[in-house]
PDB file of N, CA and C in Angstrom:
ATOM      1  N   MET A   1     -27.754   2.919 -11.956  1.00  0.00           N
ATOM      2  CA  MET A   1     -28.281   4.214 -11.686  1.00  0.00           C
ATOM      3  C   MET A   1     -27.507   5.191 -12.549  1.00  0.00           C
ATOM      4  N   LYS A   2     -28.555   6.099 -13.145  1.00  0.00           N
ATOM      5  CA  LYS A   2     -28.476   6.772 -14.030  1.00  0.00           C
ATOM      6  C   LYS A   2     -28.204   8.269 -13.579  1.00  0.00           C
ATOM      7  N   LEU A   3     -27.089   8.798 -13.745  1.00  0.00           N
ATOM      8  CA  LEU A   3     -26.487   9.976 -13.440  1.00  0.00           C
ATOM      9  C   LEU A   3     -27.066  11.096 -14.155  1.00  0.00           C
ATOM     10  N   ASP A   4     -27.222  12.493 -13.514  1.00  0.00           N
ATOM     11  CA  ASP A   4     -27.713  13.623 -14.237  1.00  0.00           C
ATOM     12  C   ASP A   4     -26.283  14.174 -14.944  1.00  0.00           C
ATOM     13  N   LYS A   5     -26.236  14.215 -15.917  1.00  0.00           N
ATOM     14  CA  LYS A   5     -25.105  14.618 -17.325  1.00  0.00           C
ATOM     15  C   LYS A   5     -24.596  15.877 -16.520  1.00  0.00           C
ATOM     16  N   SER A   6     -25.330  16.823 -15.964  1.00  0.00           N
ATOM     17  CA  SER A   6     -24.722  18.089 -15.467  1.00  0.00           C
ATOM     18  C   SER A   6     -24.105  17.781 -14.090  1.00  0.00           C
ATOM     19  N   LEU A   7     -24.154  16.645 -13.827  1.00  0.00           N
ATOM     20  CA  LEU A   7     -23.144  16.676 -12.384  1.00  0.00           C
ATOM     21  C   LEU A   7     -21.640  16.574 -12.986  1.00  0.00           C
ATOM     22  N   ASN A   8     -21.468  15.961 -14.297  1.00  0.00           N
ATOM     23  CA  ASN A   8     -20.255  16.009 -14.664  1.00  0.00           C
ATOM     24  C   ASN A   8     -19.695  16.956 -15.300  1.00  0.00           C
ATOM     25  N   SER A   9     -20.521  18.302 -15.513  1.00  0.00           N
ATOM     26  CA  SER A   9     -19.860  19.534 -15.986  1.00  0.00           C
ATOM     27  C   SER A   9     -18.693  19.934 -15.657  1.00  0.00           C
ATOM     28  N   GLY A  10     -17.780  20.517 -15.995  1.00  0.00           N
ATOM     29  CA  GLY A  10     -16.400  20.950 -15.527  1.00  0.00           C
ATOM     30  C   GLY A  10     -15.541  19.934 -14.994  1.00  0.00           C
ATOM     31  N   ASN A  11     -15.901  18.590 -14.770  1.00  0.00           N
ATOM     32  CA  ASN A  11     -14.987  17.636 -14.374  1.00  0.00           C
ATOM     33  C   ASN A  11     -14.385  16.848 -15.349  1.00  0.00           C
ATOM     34  N   THR A  12     -14.695  16.987 -16.513  1.00  0.00           N
ATOM     35  CA  THR A  12     -14.317  16.085 -17.617  1.00  0.00           C
ATOM     36  C   THR A  12     -12.694  16.417 -18.019  1.00  0.00           C
ATOM     37  N   THR A  13     -12.538  17.924 -17.894  1.00  0.00           N
ATOM     38  CA  THR A  13     -11.160  18.542 -17.797  1.00  0.00           C
ATOM     39  C   THR A  13     -10.196  17.428 -16.814  1.00  0.00           C
ATOM     40  N   MET A  14     -10.445  17.247 -15.864  1.00  0.00           N
ATOM     41  CA  MET A  14      -9.983  16.486 -14.535  1.00  0.00           C
ATOM     42  C   MET A  14      -9.601  15.315 -15.159  1.00  0.00           C
ATOM     43  N   LEU A  15     -10.712  14.436 -15.416  1.00  0.00           N
ATOM     44  CA  LEU A  15     -10.575  13.311 -15.597  1.00  0.00           C
ATOM     45  C   LEU A  15      -9.816  13.004 -16.750  1.00  0.00           C
ATOM     46  N   ILE A  16      -9.815  13.655 -18.025  1.00  0.00           N
ATOM     47  CA  ILE A  16      -9.037  13.455 -19.049  1.00  0.00           C
ATOM     48  C   ILE A  16      -7.442  13.687 -18.626  1.00  0.00           C
ATOM     49  N   LEU A  17      -7.086  14.545 -17.785  1.00  0.00           N
ATOM     50  CA  LEU A  17      -5.725  14.817 -17.424  1.00  0.00           C
ATOM     51  C   LEU A  17      -5.383  13.728 -16.637  1.00  0.00           C
ATOM     52  N   LYS A  18      -6.041  13.124 -15.622  1.00  0.00           N
ATOM     53  CA  LYS A  18      -5.662  12.068 -15.068  1.00  0.00           C
ATOM     54  C   LYS A  18      -5.517  10.549 -15.885  1.00  0.00           C
ATOM     55  N   LEU A  19      -6.468  10.819 -16.639  1.00  0.00           N
ATOM     56  CA  LEU A  19      -6.011   9.411 -17.660  1.00  0.00           C
ATOM     57  C   LEU A  19      -4.648   9.529 -18.437  1.00  0.00           C
ATOM     58  N   ILE A  20      -4.006  10.746 -18.998  1.00  0.00           N
ATOM     59  CA  ILE A  20      -3.208  10.780 -19.795  1.00  0.00           C
ATOM     60  C   ILE A  20      -1.889  10.920 -18.413  1.00  0.00           C
ATOM     61  N   GLU A  21      -2.290  11.524 -17.553  1.00  0.00           N
ATOM     62  CA  GLU A  21      -1.157  11.467 -16.627  1.00  0.00           C
ATOM     63  C   GLU A  21      -0.789   9.796 -16.273  1.00  0.00           C
ATOM     64  N   GLU A  22      -1.584   8.748 -16.541  1.00  0.00           N
ATOM     65  CA  GLU A  22      -1.103   7.526 -16.037  1.00  0.00           C
ATOM     66  C   GLU A  22      -0.432   6.744 -17.344  1.00  0.00           C
ATOM     67  N   GLU A  23      -0.785   7.456 -18.507  1.00  0.00           N
ATOM     68  CA  GLU A  23      -0.149   6.815 -19.844  1.00  0.00           C
ATOM     69  C   GLU A  23      -0.510   8.007 -20.661  1.00  0.00           C
ATOM     70  N   ASP A  24       0.438   8.267 -21.965  1.00  0.00           N
ATOM     71  CA  ASP A  24      -0.029   8.693 -23.097  1.00  0.00           C
ATOM     72  C   ASP A  24      -0.907   7.739 -23.890  1.00  0.00           C
ATOM     73  N   MET A  25      -2.222   8.841 -24.374  1.00  0.00           N
ATOM     74  CA  MET A  25      -3.260   7.725 -25.197  1.00  0.00           C
ATOM     75  C   MET A  25      -3.746   8.772 -25.943  1.00  0.00           C
ATOM     76  N   TYR A  26      -4.145   7.746 -27.226  1.00  0.00           N
ATOM     77  CA  TYR A  26      -5.131   8.553 -28.191  1.00  0.00           C
ATOM     78  C   TYR A  26      -6.508   8.801 -27.961  1.00  0.00           C
ATOM     79  N   GLY A  27      -7.153   9.551 -28.525  1.00  0.00           N
ATOM     80  CA  GLY A  27      -8.620   9.739 -28.239  1.00  0.00           C
ATOM     81  C   GLY A  27      -9.366   8.735 -27.920  1.00  0.00           C
ATOM     82  N   TYR A  28      -9.476   7.864 -28.974  1.00  0.00           N
ATOM     83  CA  TYR A  28     -10.643   6.431 -28.623  1.00  0.00           C
ATOM     84  C   TYR A  28     -10.039   5.667 -27.626  1.00  0.00           C
ATOM     85  N   GLN A  29      -8.989   5.687 -27.137  1.00  0.00           N
ATOM     86  CA  GLN A  29      -8.333   5.151 -25.880  1.00  0.00           C
ATOM     87  C   GLN A  29      -9.102   5.720 -24.680  1.00  0.00           C
ATOM     88  N   MET A  30      -8.796   7.048 -24.842  1.00  0.00           N
ATOM     89  CA  MET A  30      -9.224   7.912 -23.676  1.00  0.00           C
ATOM     90  C   MET A  30     -10.788   7.407 -23.330  1.00  0.00           C
ATOM     91  N   ILE A  31     -11.673   7.522 -24.534  1.00  0.00           N
ATOM     92  CA  ILE A  31     -13.138   7.258 -24.290  1.00  0.00           C
ATOM     93  C   ILE A  31     -13.162   5.930 -23.823  1.00  0.00           C
ATOM     94  N   GLU A  32     -12.394   4.862 -24.248  1.00  0.00           N
ATOM     95  CA  GLU A  32     -12.791   3.366 -23.931  1.00  0.00           C
ATOM     96  C   GLU A  32     -12.501   3.402 -22.457  1.00  0.00           C
ATOM     97  N   SER A  33     -11.187   3.555 -21.803  1.00  0.00           N
ATOM     98  CA  SER A  33     -10.532   4.004 -20.437  1.00  0.00           C
ATOM     99  C   SER A  33     -11.562   4.406 -19.857  1.00  0.00           C
ATOM    100  N   LEU A  34     -12.071   5.768 -20.038  1.00  0.00           N
ATOM    101  CA  LEU A  34     -12.924   6.324 -18.981  1.00  0.00           C
ATOM    102  C   LEU A  34     -14.212   5.660 -18.876  1.00  0.00           C
ATOM    103  N   GLU A  35     -14.726   5.346 -19.627  1.00  0.00           N
ATOM    104  CA  GLU A  35     -16.145   4.462 -19.747  1.00  0.00           C
ATOM    105  C   GLU A  35     -15.547   3.118 -18.695  1.00  0.00           C
ATOM    106  N   LYS A  36     -14.464   2.550 -19.150  1.00  0.00           N
ATOM    107  CA  LYS A  36     -14.285   1.036 -18.467  1.00  0.00           C
ATOM    108  C   LYS A  36     -14.012   1.457 -17.015  1.00  0.00           C
ATOM    109  N   LYS A  37     -13.454   2.662 -16.683  1.00  0.00           N
ATOM    110  CA  LYS A  37     -12.875   2.646 -15.303  1.00  0.00           C
ATOM    111  C   LYS A  37     -14.068   3.559 -14.357  1.00  0.00           C
ATOM    112  N   SER A  38     -14.936   4.131 -15.037  1.00  0.00           N
ATOM    113  CA  SER A  38     -16.265   4.339 -14.361  1.00  0.00           C
ATOM    114  C   SER A  38     -17.246   3.540 -14.140  1.00  0.00           C
ATOM    115  N   ASN A  39     -17.090   2.354 -14.974  1.00  0.00           N
ATOM    116  CA  ASN A  39     -18.208   1.481 -15.166  1.00  0.00           C
ATOM    117  C   ASN A  39     -19.498   2.069 -15.764  1.00  0.00           C
ATOM    118  N   SER A  40     -18.925   2.548 -16.866  1.00  0.00           N
ATOM    119  CA  SER A  40     -20.088   3.297 -17.845  1.00  0.00           C
ATOM    120  C   SER A  40     -20.734   4.067 -17.043  1.00  0.00           C
ATOM    121  N   VAL A  41     -20.287   4.933 -16.243  1.00  0.00           N
ATOM    122  CA  VAL A  41     -20.898   6.132 -15.672  1.00  0.00           C
ATOM    123  C   VAL A  41     -20.816   7.418 -16.584  1.00  0.00           C
ATOM    124  N   PHE A  42     -19.156   7.302 -16.823  1.00  0.00           N
ATOM    125  CA  PHE A  42     -19.020   8.254 -17.863  1.00  0.00           C
ATOM    126  C   PHE A  42     -18.339   7.972 -19.360  1.00  0.00           C
ATOM    127  N   SER A  43     -19.584   8.530 -20.218  1.00  0.00           N
ATOM    128  CA  SER A  43     -19.389   8.314 -21.632  1.00  0.00           C
ATOM    129  C   SER A  43     -19.194   9.375 -22.353  1.00  0.00           C
ATOM    130  N   LEU A  44     -17.978   9.331 -22.897  1.00  0.00           N
ATOM    131  CA  LEU A  44     -17.450  10.653 -23.825  1.00  0.00           C
ATOM    132  C   LEU A  44     -17.785  10.469 -25.076  1.00  0.00           C
ATOM    133  N   LYS A  45     -18.320  11.569 -25.768  1.00  0.00           N
ATOM    134  CA  LYS A  45     -18.566  11.276 -27.458  1.00  0.00           C
ATOM    135  C   LYS A  45     -17.229  12.272 -27.952  1.00  0.00           C
ATOM    136  N   ALA A  46     -16.822  11.447 -29.005  1.00  0.00           N
ATOM    137  CA  ALA A  46     -15.579  12.175 -29.826  1.00  0.00           C
ATOM    138  C   ALA A  46     -15.928  13.853 -29.872  1.00  0.00           C
ATOM    139  N   GLY A  47     -16.927  14.210 -30.048  1.00  0.00           N
ATOM    140  CA  GLY A  47     -17.631  15.734 -30.358  1.00  0.00           C
ATOM    141  C   GLY A  47     -17.084  16.150 -29.135  1.00  0.00           C
ATOM    142  N   THR A  48     -17.158  15.607 -27.828  1.00  0.00           N
ATOM    143  CA  THR A  48     -17.035  16.413 -26.524  1.00  0.00           C
ATOM    144  C   THR A  48     -15.545  16.272 -26.265  1.00  0.00           C
ATOM    145  N   LEU A  49     -14.688  15.193 -26.514  1.00  0.00           N
ATOM    146  CA  LEU A  49     -13.634  15.151 -26.042  1.00  0.00           C
ATOM    147  C   LEU A  49     -12.684  15.817 -26.998  1.00  0.00           C
ATOM    148  N   TYR A  50     -12.628  16.028 -28.094  1.00  0.00           N
ATOM    149  CA  TYR A  50     -11.679  16.517 -29.145  1.00  0.00           C
ATOM    150  C   TYR A  50     -11.465  17.858 -28.810  1.00  0.00           C
ATOM    151  N   PRO A  51     -12.647  18.793 -28.639  1.00  0.00           N
ATOM    152  CA  PRO A  51     -12.729  19.906 -28.219  1.00  0.00           C
ATOM    153  C   PRO A  51     -12.097  20.377 -27.164  1.00  0.00           C
ATOM    154  N   ILE A  52     -12.370  19.691 -26.045  1.00  0.00           N
ATOM    155  CA  ILE A  52     -11.155  19.767 -25.052  1.00  0.00           C
ATOM    156  C   ILE A  52      -9.658  19.400 -24.789  1.00  0.00           C
ATOM    157  N   LEU A  53      -9.472  18.579 -25.775  1.00  0.00           N
ATOM    158  CA  LEU A  53      -8.296  18.188 -26.222  1.00  0.00           C
ATOM    159  C   LEU A  53      -7.373  19.363 -26.909  1.00  0.00           C
ATOM    160  N   HIS A  54      -7.958  19.839 -27.751  1.00  0.00           N
ATOM    161  CA  HIS A  54      -7.548  20.896 -28.561  1.00  0.00           C
ATOM    162  C   HIS A  54      -7.306  22.024 -27.642  1.00  0.00           C
ATOM    163  N   SER A  55      -7.980  22.362 -26.662  1.00  0.00           N
ATOM    164  CA  SER A  55      -8.316  23.469 -25.540  1.00  0.00           C
ATOM    165  C   SER A  55      -6.985  23.212 -24.802  1.00  0.00           C
ATOM    166  N   LEU A  56      -6.549  22.051 -24.249  1.00  0.00           N
ATOM    167  CA  LEU A  56      -5.848  21.876 -23.384  1.00  0.00           C
ATOM    168  C   LEU A  56      -4.407  21.921 -23.995  1.00  0.00           C
ATOM    169  N   GLU A  57      -4.430  21.498 -25.437  1.00  0.00           N
ATOM    170  CA  GLU A  57      -3.187  21.673 -26.123  1.00  0.00           C
ATOM    171  C   GLU A  57      -2.786  22.915 -26.392  1.00  0.00           C
ATOM    172  N   GLN A  58      -3.654  23.882 -26.670  1.00  0.00           N
ATOM    173  CA  GLN A  58      -3.499  25.477 -26.853  1.00  0.00           C
ATOM    174  C   GLN A  58      -2.954  25.944 -25.344  1.00  0.00           C
ATOM    175  N   GLN A  59      -3.411  25.612 -24.489  1.00  0.00           N
ATOM    176  CA  GLN A  59      -2.994  26.101 -23.240  1.00  0.00           C
ATOM    177  C   GLN A  59      -1.777  25.286 -22.645  1.00  0.00           C
ATOM    178  N   ASN A  60      -0.922  24.240 -23.419  1.00  0.00           N
ATOM    179  CA  ASN A  60       0.159  23.735 -23.065  1.00  0.00           C
ATOM    180  C   ASN A  60      -0.068  23.182 -22.088  1.00  0.00           C
ATOM    181  N   MET A  61      -1.206  22.376 -21.616  1.00  0.00           N
ATOM    182  CA  MET A  61      -1.600  21.400 -20.577  1.00  0.00           C
ATOM    183  C   MET A  61      -1.263  19.917 -21.068  1.00  0.00           C
ATOM    184  N   VAL A  62      -1.093  19.787 -22.445  1.00  0.00           N
ATOM    185  CA  VAL A  62      -1.010  18.511 -22.930  1.00  0.00           C
ATOM    186  C   VAL A  62      -0.264  18.639 -24.624  1.00  0.00           C
ATOM    187  N   THR A  63       0.734  17.954 -24.820  1.00  0.00           N
ATOM    188  CA  THR A  63       1.212  17.870 -25.999  1.00  0.00           C
ATOM    189  C   THR A  63       0.722  17.140 -26.769  1.00  0.00           C
ATOM    190  N   ALA A  64       0.866  16.724 -28.170  1.00  0.00           N
ATOM    191  CA  ALA A  64       0.415  15.741 -28.842  1.00  0.00           C
ATOM    192  C   ALA A  64       1.483  15.486 -30.168  1.00  0.00           C
ATOM    193  N   TYR A  65       1.503  14.019 -30.335  1.00  0.00           N
ATOM    194  CA  TYR A  65       2.547  13.614 -31.056  1.00  0.00           C
ATOM    195  C   TYR A  65       2.108  12.322 -31.655  1.00  0.00           C
ATOM    196  N   GLU A  66       2.639  11.886 -32.799  1.00  0.00           N
ATOM    197  CA  GLU A  66       2.038  10.856 -33.935  1.00  0.00           C
ATOM    198  C   GLU A  66       2.911   9.495 -33.253  1.00  0.00           C
ATOM    199  N   GLY A  67       2.052   8.665 -33.246  1.00  0.00           N
ATOM    200  CA  GLY A  67       2.522   6.955 -32.718  1.00  0.00           C
ATOM    201  C   GLY A  67       1.708   6.226 -33.327  1.00  0.00           C
ATOM    202  N   ILE A  68       2.371   4.861 -33.163  1.00  0.00           N
ATOM    203  CA  ILE A  68       1.866   3.672 -33.614  1.00  0.00           C
ATOM    204  C   ILE A  68       0.871   2.829 -32.595  1.00  0.00           C
ATOM    205  N   SER A  69      -0.204   2.556 -32.896  1.00  0.00           N
ATOM    206  CA  SER A  69      -1.081   1.962 -31.763  1.00  0.00           C
ATOM    207  C   SER A  69      -0.583   0.537 -31.683  1.00  0.00           C
ATOM    208  N   ASP A  70      -1.035  -0.290 -30.581  1.00  0.00           N
ATOM    209  CA  ASP A  70      -0.725  -1.796 -30.496  1.00  0.00           C
ATOM    210  C   ASP A  70      -1.482  -2.531 -31.834  1.00  0.00           C
ATOM    211  N   GLU A  71      -2.219  -1.721 -32.345  1.00  0.00           N
ATOM    212  CA  GLU A  71      -2.944  -2.631 -33.530  1.00  0.00           C
ATOM    213  C   GLU A  71      -2.115  -2.156 -34.713  1.00  0.00           C
ATOM    214  N   GLY A  72      -1.218  -1.292 -34.649  1.00  0.00           N
ATOM    215  CA  GLY A  72      -0.168  -0.976 -35.691  1.00  0.00           C
ATOM    216  C   GLY A  72      -0.778   0.174 -36.422  1.00  0.00           C
ATOM    217  N   ARG A  73      -1.565   0.890 -36.128  1.00  0.00           N
ATOM    218  CA  ARG A  73      -2.011   2.263 -36.967  1.00  0.00           C
ATOM    219  C   ARG A  73      -1.623   3.175 -36.389  1.00  0.00           C
ATOM    220  N   LYS A  74      -1.272   4.432 -37.098  1.00  0.00           N
ATOM    221  CA  LYS A  74      -0.706   5.702 -36.662  1.00  0.00           C
ATOM    222  C   LYS A  74      -2.080   6.421 -35.849  1.00  0.00           C
ATOM    223  N   ARG A  75      -1.710   6.806 -34.681  1.00  0.00           N
ATOM    224  CA  ARG A  75      -2.569   7.868 -33.693  1.00  0.00           C
ATOM    225  C   ARG A  75      -1.998   8.807 -33.383  1.00  0.00           C
ATOM    226  N   LYS A  76      -2.633  10.001 -32.787  1.00  0.00           N
ATOM    227  CA  LYS A  76      -2.296  11.018 -32.250  1.00  0.00           C
ATOM    228  C   LYS A  76      -2.329  10.795 -30.873  1.00  0.00           C
ATOM    229  N   TYR A  77      -1.255  10.816 -30.487  1.00  0.00           N
ATOM    230  CA  TYR A  77      -1.291  10.749 -28.687  1.00  0.00           C
ATOM    231  C   TYR A  77      -1.352  11.890 -28.044  1.00  0.00           C
ATOM    232  N   TYR A  78      -1.803  11.848 -26.896  1.00  0.00           N
ATOM    233  CA  TYR A  78      -1.738  13.075 -26.103  1.00  0.00           C
ATOM    234  C   TYR A  78      -0.846  12.905 -24.765  1.00  0.00           C
ATOM    235  N   LYS A  79       0.192  13.654 -24.093  1.00  0.00           N
ATOM    236  CA  LYS A  79       1.046  13.549 -22.923  1.00  0.00           C
ATOM    237  C   LYS A  79       0.581  14.829 -22.232  1.00  0.00           C
ATOM    238  N   ILE A  80       0.536  14.796 -21.095  1.00  0.00           N
ATOM    239  CA  ILE A  80       0.190  15.597 -19.927  1.00  0.00           C
ATOM    240  C   ILE A  80       1.725  16.265 -19.709  1.00  0.00           C
ATOM    241  N   THR A  81       1.629  17.630 -19.549  1.00  0.00           N
ATOM    242  CA  THR A  81       2.677  18.477 -19.438  1.00  0.00           C
ATOM    243  C   THR A  81       2.877  18.772 -17.718  1.00  0.00           C
ATOM    244  N   GLU A  82       3.997  19.438 -17.768  1.00  0.00           N
ATOM    245  CA  GLU A  82       4.282  19.771 -16.202  1.00  0.00           C
ATOM    246  C   GLU A  82       3.011  20.884 -15.750  1.00  0.00           C
ATOM    247  N   LYS A  83       2.534  21.727 -16.744  1.00  0.00           N
ATOM    248  CA  LYS A  83       1.665  22.655 -16.687  1.00  0.00           C
ATOM    249  C   LYS A  83       0.530  22.125 -15.931  1.00  0.00           C
ATOM    250  N   GLY A  84       0.009  20.948 -17.167  1.00  0.00           N
ATOM    251  CA  GLY A  84      -1.184  19.837 -17.262  1.00  0.00           C
ATOM    252  C   GLY A  84      -1.210  19.334 -15.758  1.00  0.00           C
ATOM    253  N   LYS A  85       0.284  18.825 -15.345  1.00  0.00           N
ATOM    254  CA  LYS A  85      -0.135  18.080 -13.966  1.00  0.00           C
ATOM    255  C   LYS A  85      -0.151  18.914 -12.746  1.00  0.00           C
ATOM    256  N   LYS A  86      -0.120  20.495 -12.833  1.00  0.00           N
ATOM    257  CA  LYS A  86      -0.108  21.505 -11.958  1.00  0.00           C
ATOM    258  C   LYS A  86      -1.411  21.442 -11.713  1.00  0.00           C
ATOM    259  N   LEU A  87      -2.099  21.604 -13.189  1.00  0.00           N
ATOM    260  CA  LEU A  87      -3.842  22.130 -13.492  1.00  0.00           C
ATOM    261  C   LEU A  87      -4.584  20.809 -12.732  1.00  0.00           C
ATOM    262  N   LEU A  88      -4.036  19.565 -12.988  1.00  0.00           N
ATOM    263  CA  LEU A  88      -4.671  18.097 -12.460  1.00  0.00           C
ATOM    264  C   LEU A  88      -4.582  18.253 -10.941  1.00  0.00           C
ATOM    265  N   GLN A  89      -3.380  18.675 -10.175  1.00  0.00           N
ATOM    266  CA  GLN A  89      -3.335  18.770  -8.556  1.00  0.00           C
ATOM    267  C   GLN A  89      -4.254  19.753  -8.002  1.00  0.00           C
ATOM    268  N   GLU A  90      -4.560  20.863  -8.861  1.00  0.00           N
ATOM    269  CA  GLU A  90      -5.909  21.727  -8.344  1.00  0.00           C
ATOM    270  C   GLU A  90      -6.846  21.265  -8.585  1.00  0.00           C
ATOM    271  N   LYS A  91      -7.394  20.734  -9.768  1.00  0.00           N
ATOM    272  CA  LYS A  91      -8.345  20.321 -10.036  1.00  0.00           C
ATOM    273  C   LYS A  91      -8.857  19.003  -8.757  1.00  0.00           C
ATOM    274  N   GLU A  92      -7.893  18.241  -8.568  1.00  0.00           N
ATOM    275  CA  GLU A  92      -7.861  17.086  -7.804  1.00  0.00           C
ATOM    276  C   GLU A  92      -8.499  17.759  -6.316  1.00  0.00           C
ATOM    277  N   LYS A  93      -7.645  18.803  -5.798  1.00  0.00           N
ATOM    278  CA  LYS A  93      -7.994  19.393  -4.518  1.00  0.00           C
ATOM    279  C   LYS A  93      -9.667  20.123  -4.601  1.00  0.00           C
ATOM    280  N   GLU A  94      -9.702  20.867  -5.785  1.00  0.00           N
ATOM    281  CA  GLU A  94     -11.234  21.528  -5.645  1.00  0.00           C
ATOM    282  C   GLU A  94     -12.228  20.126  -5.444  1.00  0.00           C
ATOM    283  N   TRP A  95     -11.942  18.929  -6.081  1.00  0.00           N
ATOM    284  CA  TRP A  95     -12.850  18.167  -6.013  1.00  0.00           C
ATOM    285  C   TRP A  95     -13.214  17.421  -4.690  1.00  0.00           C
ATOM    286  N   VAL A  96     -11.982  17.498  -4.096  1.00  0.00           N
ATOM    287  CA  VAL A  96     -12.101  16.844  -2.625  1.00  0.00           C
ATOM    288  C   VAL A  96     -12.924  17.763  -1.772  1.00  0.00           C
ATOM    289  N   HIS A  97     -12.623  18.934  -2.019  1.00  0.00           N
ATOM    290  CA  HIS A  97     -13.214  19.823  -1.175  1.00  0.00           C
ATOM    291  C   HIS A  97     -14.700  19.872  -1.509  1.00  0.00           C
ATOM    292  N   TYR A  98     -15.124  19.803  -2.750  1.00  0.00           N
ATOM    293  CA  TYR A  98     -16.350  19.962  -3.368  1.00  0.00           C
ATOM    294  C   TYR A  98     -17.317  18.458  -2.909  1.00  0.00           C
ATOM    295  N   ALA A  99     -16.627  17.187  -2.919  1.00  0.00           N
ATOM    296  CA  ALA A  99     -17.201  16.066  -2.190  1.00  0.00           C
ATOM    297  C   ALA A  99     -17.318  16.155  -0.880  1.00  0.00           C
ATOM    298  N   ASN A 100     -16.403  16.563  -0.284  1.00  0.00           N
ATOM    299  CA  ASN A 100     -16.666  16.658   1.286  1.00  0.00           C
ATOM    300  C   ASN A 100     -17.537  17.825   1.794  1.00  0.00           C
ATOM    301  N   ALA A 101     -17.696  18.862   0.884  1.00  0.00           N
ATOM    302  CA  ALA A 101     -18.901  19.558   1.361  1.00  0.00           C
ATOM    303  C   ALA A 101     -20.164  19.070   0.852  1.00  0.00           C
ATOM    304  N   VAL A 102     -20.526  18.414  -0.050  1.00  0.00           N
ATOM    305  CA  VAL A 102     -21.681  17.728  -0.394  1.00  0.00           C
ATOM    306  C   VAL A 102     -21.893  16.726   0.605  1.00  0.00           C
ATOM    307  N   LYS A 103     -21.047  15.826   1.062  1.00  0.00           N
ATOM    308  CA  LYS A 103     -20.963  14.835   2.096  1.00  0.00           C
ATOM    309  C   LYS A 103     -21.612  15.464   3.163  1.00  0.00           C
ATOM    310  N   ASN A 104     -20.717  16.625   3.782  1.00  0.00           N
ATOM    311  CA  ASN A 104     -21.034  17.284   5.071  1.00  0.00           C
ATOM    312  C   ASN A 104     -22.730  17.750   4.992  1.00  0.00           C
ATOM    313  N   VAL A 105     -23.046  18.378   3.813  1.00  0.00           N
ATOM    314  CA  VAL A 105     -24.646  18.489   3.532  1.00  0.00           C
ATOM    315  C   VAL A 105     -25.309  17.616   3.721  1.00  0.00           C
ATOM    316  N   LEU A 106     -24.997  16.383   3.131  1.00  0.00           N
ATOM    317  CA  LEU A 106     -25.807  15.374   3.197  1.00  0.00           C
ATOM    318  C   LEU A 106     -25.808  14.465   4.511  1.00  0.00           C
ATOM    319  N   GLY A 107     -24.941  14.707   5.260  1.00  0.00           N
ATOM    320  CA  GLY A 107     -25.079  14.326   6.678  1.00  0.00           C
ATOM    321  C   GLY A 107     -24.085  13.001   6.710  1.00  0.00           C
ATOM    322  N   GLY A 108     -23.105  12.860   6.043  1.00  0.00           N
ATOM    323  CA  GLY A 108     -22.185  11.947   5.997  1.00  0.00           C
ATOM    324  C   GLY A 108     -22.565  10.643   5.436  1.00  0.00           C
ATOM    325  N   VAL A 109     -23.497  10.804   4.138  1.00  0.00           N
ATOM    326  CA  VAL A 109     -24.032   9.786   3.590  1.00  0.00           C
ATOM    327  C   VAL A 109     -22.947   8.544   3.210  1.00  0.00           C
ATOM    328  N   SER A 110     -23.104   7.727   3.316  1.00  0.00           N
ATOM    329  CA  SER A 110     -22.214   6.416   2.865  1.00  0.00           C
ATOM    330  C   SER A 110     -21.975   6.374   1.330  1.00  0.00           C
ATOM    331  N   TYR A 111     -21.092   6.307   0.737  1.00  0.00           N
ATOM    332  CA  TYR A 111     -20.674   6.345  -0.718  1.00  0.00           C
ATOM    333  C   TYR A 111     -20.767   4.519  -1.323  1.00  0.00           C
ATOM    334  N   VAL A 112     -20.503   3.819  -0.094  1.00  0.00           N
ATOM    335  CA  VAL A 112     -20.563   2.288  -0.632  1.00  0.00           C
ATOM    336  C   VAL A 112     -21.830   1.850  -1.284  1.00  0.00           C
ATOM    337  N   GLY A 113     -22.033   1.157  -2.078  1.00  0.00           N
ATOM    338  CA  GLY A 113     -23.232   0.426  -2.877  1.00  0.00           C
ATOM    339  C   GLY A 113     -23.920   1.700  -3.312  1.00  0.00           C
ATOM    340  N   ALA A 114     -23.634   2.836  -3.546  1.00  0.00           N
ATOM    341  CA  ALA A 114     -24.442   3.888  -4.198  1.00  0.00           C
ATOM    342  C   ALA A 114     -24.851   3.697  -5.738  1.00  0.00           C
TER     343      ALA A 114
END
C-alpha cells in the first residue's frame, strides 16, 4: 500500500530521534535503517535528512562527532542528547494521542494486516 507522503509530515524528527536513541548513526545509516525498519514505507532522501539533522544539532537535540564506520570510512555520527530524549518522549506521547484519536474516529479499525 502506498501512503500519502503528507501523513509523514512532522513525524520525521521523531523517527530520526528514535533511531539515534537506539544507537549513534551517520546519515546514510539512518536512511537505510528507517527504510528497513518501516518495510520501505519511510524512504528519506539525503536532502530531507540533513537539514533536519542540522536543525536538531543547532537546537542541542543531537551532537555530532567524527567516527570510523564498520567499512573503515570516516563518518559524521549523530548522538541524541538529554534534551533530545525529552523531545522524543514528548513526540511519542503526541503520536500515541493522535493515533488513538484517529482510531476512535475510524471506529476501532484493526491495524493488523493494514
